[in-house]
C-alpha cells in the first residue's frame, strides 16, 4: 500500500462550499501529514493498536480535523472550517 489522504466521507460533504484557495491549502497540509505519517509508521499495514486521536490543524485562516488510520495507510480529513468571509 501507499500512504494517501482523502476526505471522509467525500469531498463534497466535507469541504463543499469552501473557497478553492482554502481547499488547496488543506490539500497541501494534508500532503505534509501523509509524509509525516509515512515516516512514523514505516509499514502501517502491520500496525497494531488504536491509532491516533482526531487532531485539528490551522490552515489559511481556517482549520480542519483529521485522523490517521495506520493500517489503511490513510490520513482522513473529516471536517473543514473555512475562514470567515
C-alpha atoms as a PDB file:
ATOM      1  CA  UNK A   1       0.000   0.000   0.000  1.00  0.00           C
ATOM      2  CA  UNK A   2       0.947   3.605  -0.356  1.00  0.00           C
ATOM      3  CA  UNK A   3       0.076   6.372   2.086  1.00  0.00           C
ATOM      4  CA  UNK A   4      -2.532   8.872   0.923  1.00  0.00           C
ATOM      5  CA  UNK A   5      -5.165  11.238   2.235  1.00  0.00           C
ATOM      6  CA  UNK A   6      -8.820  11.689   1.410  1.00  0.00           C
ATOM      7  CA  UNK A   7     -11.950  13.450   2.555  1.00  0.00           C
ATOM      8  CA  UNK A   8     -14.184  11.206   4.617  1.00  0.00           C
ATOM      9  CA  UNK A   9     -16.967  10.525   3.672  1.00  0.00           C
ATOM     10  CA  UNK A  10     -16.306  12.561   0.489  1.00  0.00           C
ATOM     11  CA  UNK A  11     -15.061  15.955  -0.645  1.00  0.00           C
ATOM     12  CA  UNK A  12     -18.490  17.456  -1.299  1.00  0.00           C
ATOM     13  CA  UNK A  13     -19.833  16.639   2.171  1.00  0.00           C
ATOM     14  CA  UNK A  14     -16.672  17.704   3.990  1.00  0.00           C
ATOM     15  CA  UNK A  15     -15.465  20.709   2.002  1.00  0.00           C
ATOM     16  CA  UNK A  16     -18.410  21.625  -0.206  1.00  0.00           C
ATOM     17  CA  UNK A  17     -18.813  25.384  -0.337  1.00  0.00           C
ATOM     18  CA  UNK A  18     -15.308  26.124   0.969  1.00  0.00           C
ATOM     19  CA  UNK A  19     -13.282  28.526  -1.205  1.00  0.00           C
ATOM     20  CA  UNK A  20     -10.965  26.858  -3.698  1.00  0.00           C
ATOM     21  CA  UNK A  21      -7.914  28.610  -2.235  1.00  0.00           C
ATOM     22  CA  UNK A  22      -8.733  27.170   1.193  1.00  0.00           C
ATOM     23  CA  UNK A  23      -9.261  23.678  -0.260  1.00  0.00           C
ATOM     24  CA  UNK A  24      -5.843  23.923  -1.924  1.00  0.00           C
ATOM     25  CA  UNK A  25      -4.257  24.901   1.417  1.00  0.00           C
ATOM     26  CA  UNK A  26      -5.948  21.921   3.090  1.00  0.00           C
ATOM     27  CA  UNK A  27      -4.578  19.662   0.350  1.00  0.00           C
ATOM     28  CA  UNK A  28      -1.025  20.954   0.782  1.00  0.00           C
ATOM     29  CA  UNK A  29      -1.158  20.481   4.557  1.00  0.00           C
ATOM     30  CA  UNK A  30      -2.719  17.022   4.173  1.00  0.00           C
ATOM     31  CA  UNK A  31       0.171  16.090   1.853  1.00  0.00           C
ATOM     32  CA  UNK A  32       2.594  17.091   4.638  1.00  0.00           C
ATOM     33  CA  UNK A  33       0.656  14.983   7.140  1.00  0.00           C
ATOM     34  CA  UNK A  34       0.855  11.994   4.799  1.00  0.00           C
ATOM     35  CA  UNK A  35       4.644  12.334   4.585  1.00  0.00           C
ATOM     36  CA  UNK A  36       4.893  12.587   8.387  1.00  0.00           C
ATOM     37  CA  UNK A  37       2.666   9.535   8.941  1.00  0.00           C
ATOM     38  CA  UNK A  38       4.643   7.567   6.364  1.00  0.00           C
ATOM     39  CA  UNK A  39       7.865   8.336   8.272  1.00  0.00           C
ATOM     40  CA  UNK A  40       6.311   7.494  11.642  1.00  0.00           C
ATOM     41  CA  UNK A  41       4.624   4.252  10.570  1.00  0.00           C
ATOM     42  CA  UNK A  42       7.168   2.670   8.233  1.00  0.00           C
ATOM     43  CA  UNK A  43       4.791  -0.211   7.476  1.00  0.00           C
ATOM     44  CA  UNK A  44       1.381   0.923   8.569  1.00  0.00           C
ATOM     45  CA  UNK A  45      -0.279  -2.294   7.417  1.00  0.00           C
ATOM     46  CA  UNK A  46       1.340  -4.167  10.319  1.00  0.00           C
ATOM     47  CA  UNK A  47       0.347  -1.574  12.935  1.00  0.00           C
ATOM     48  CA  UNK A  48      -1.441  -2.952  15.969  1.00  0.00           C
ATOM     49  CA  UNK A  49      -3.273  -0.584  18.242  1.00  0.00           C
ATOM     50  CA  UNK A  50      -5.954   2.054  18.244  1.00  0.00           C
ATOM     51  CA  UNK A  51      -4.105   4.692  16.213  1.00  0.00           C
ATOM     52  CA  UNK A  52      -4.069   8.397  16.924  1.00  0.00           C
ATOM     53  CA  UNK A  53      -6.931  10.581  18.162  1.00  0.00           C
ATOM     54  CA  UNK A  54      -8.548  13.189  15.935  1.00  0.00           C
ATOM     55  CA  UNK A  55      -6.443  16.297  15.577  1.00  0.00           C
ATOM     56  CA  UNK A  56      -7.044  19.829  14.317  1.00  0.00           C
ATOM     57  CA  UNK A  57      -4.763  21.931  12.109  1.00  0.00           C
ATOM     58  CA  UNK A  58      -4.904  25.680  11.446  1.00  0.00           C
ATOM     59  CA  UNK A  59      -4.529  26.468   7.785  1.00  0.00           C
ATOM     60  CA  UNK A  60      -5.125  29.612   5.676  1.00  0.00           C
ATOM     61  CA  UNK A  61      -7.238  31.332   8.334  1.00  0.00           C
ATOM     62  CA  UNK A  62      -9.454  28.282   8.918  1.00  0.00           C
ATOM     63  CA  UNK A  63      -8.907  24.795  10.226  1.00  0.00           C
ATOM     64  CA  UNK A  64      -9.555  21.152   9.504  1.00  0.00           C
ATOM     65  CA  UNK A  65      -9.937  17.976  11.530  1.00  0.00           C
ATOM     66  CA  UNK A  66      -8.191  14.750  10.586  1.00  0.00           C
ATOM     67  CA  UNK A  67      -7.165  11.397  11.950  1.00  0.00           C
ATOM     68  CA  UNK A  68      -4.567   8.833  10.890  1.00  0.00           C
ATOM     69  CA  UNK A  69      -5.517   5.224  10.133  1.00  0.00           C
ATOM     70  CA  UNK A  70      -2.145   3.417  10.093  1.00  0.00           C
ATOM     71  CA  UNK A  71      -3.450   0.012   8.948  1.00  0.00           C
ATOM     72  CA  UNK A  72      -5.037   1.627   5.886  1.00  0.00           C
ATOM     73  CA  UNK A  73      -2.063   3.987   5.440  1.00  0.00           C
ATOM     74  CA  UNK A  74      -4.550   6.828   5.273  1.00  0.00           C
ATOM     75  CA  UNK A  75      -4.922  10.358   6.600  1.00  0.00           C
ATOM     76  CA  UNK A  76      -8.674  11.061   6.730  1.00  0.00           C
ATOM     77  CA  UNK A  77      -9.829  14.686   6.598  1.00  0.00           C
ATOM     78  CA  UNK A  78     -13.296  14.662   8.135  1.00  0.00           C
ATOM     79  CA  UNK A  79     -14.201  18.305   8.765  1.00  0.00           C
ATOM     80  CA  UNK A  80     -13.127  21.676   7.389  1.00  0.00           C
ATOM     81  CA  UNK A  81     -13.926  25.108   8.767  1.00  0.00           C
ATOM     82  CA  UNK A  82     -13.014  27.757   6.201  1.00  0.00           C
ATOM     83  CA  UNK A  83     -12.037  31.265   7.255  1.00  0.00           C
ATOM     84  CA  UNK A  84     -14.887  33.724   7.859  1.00  0.00           C
ATOM     85  CA  UNK A  85     -15.903  35.753   4.874  1.00  0.00           C
END
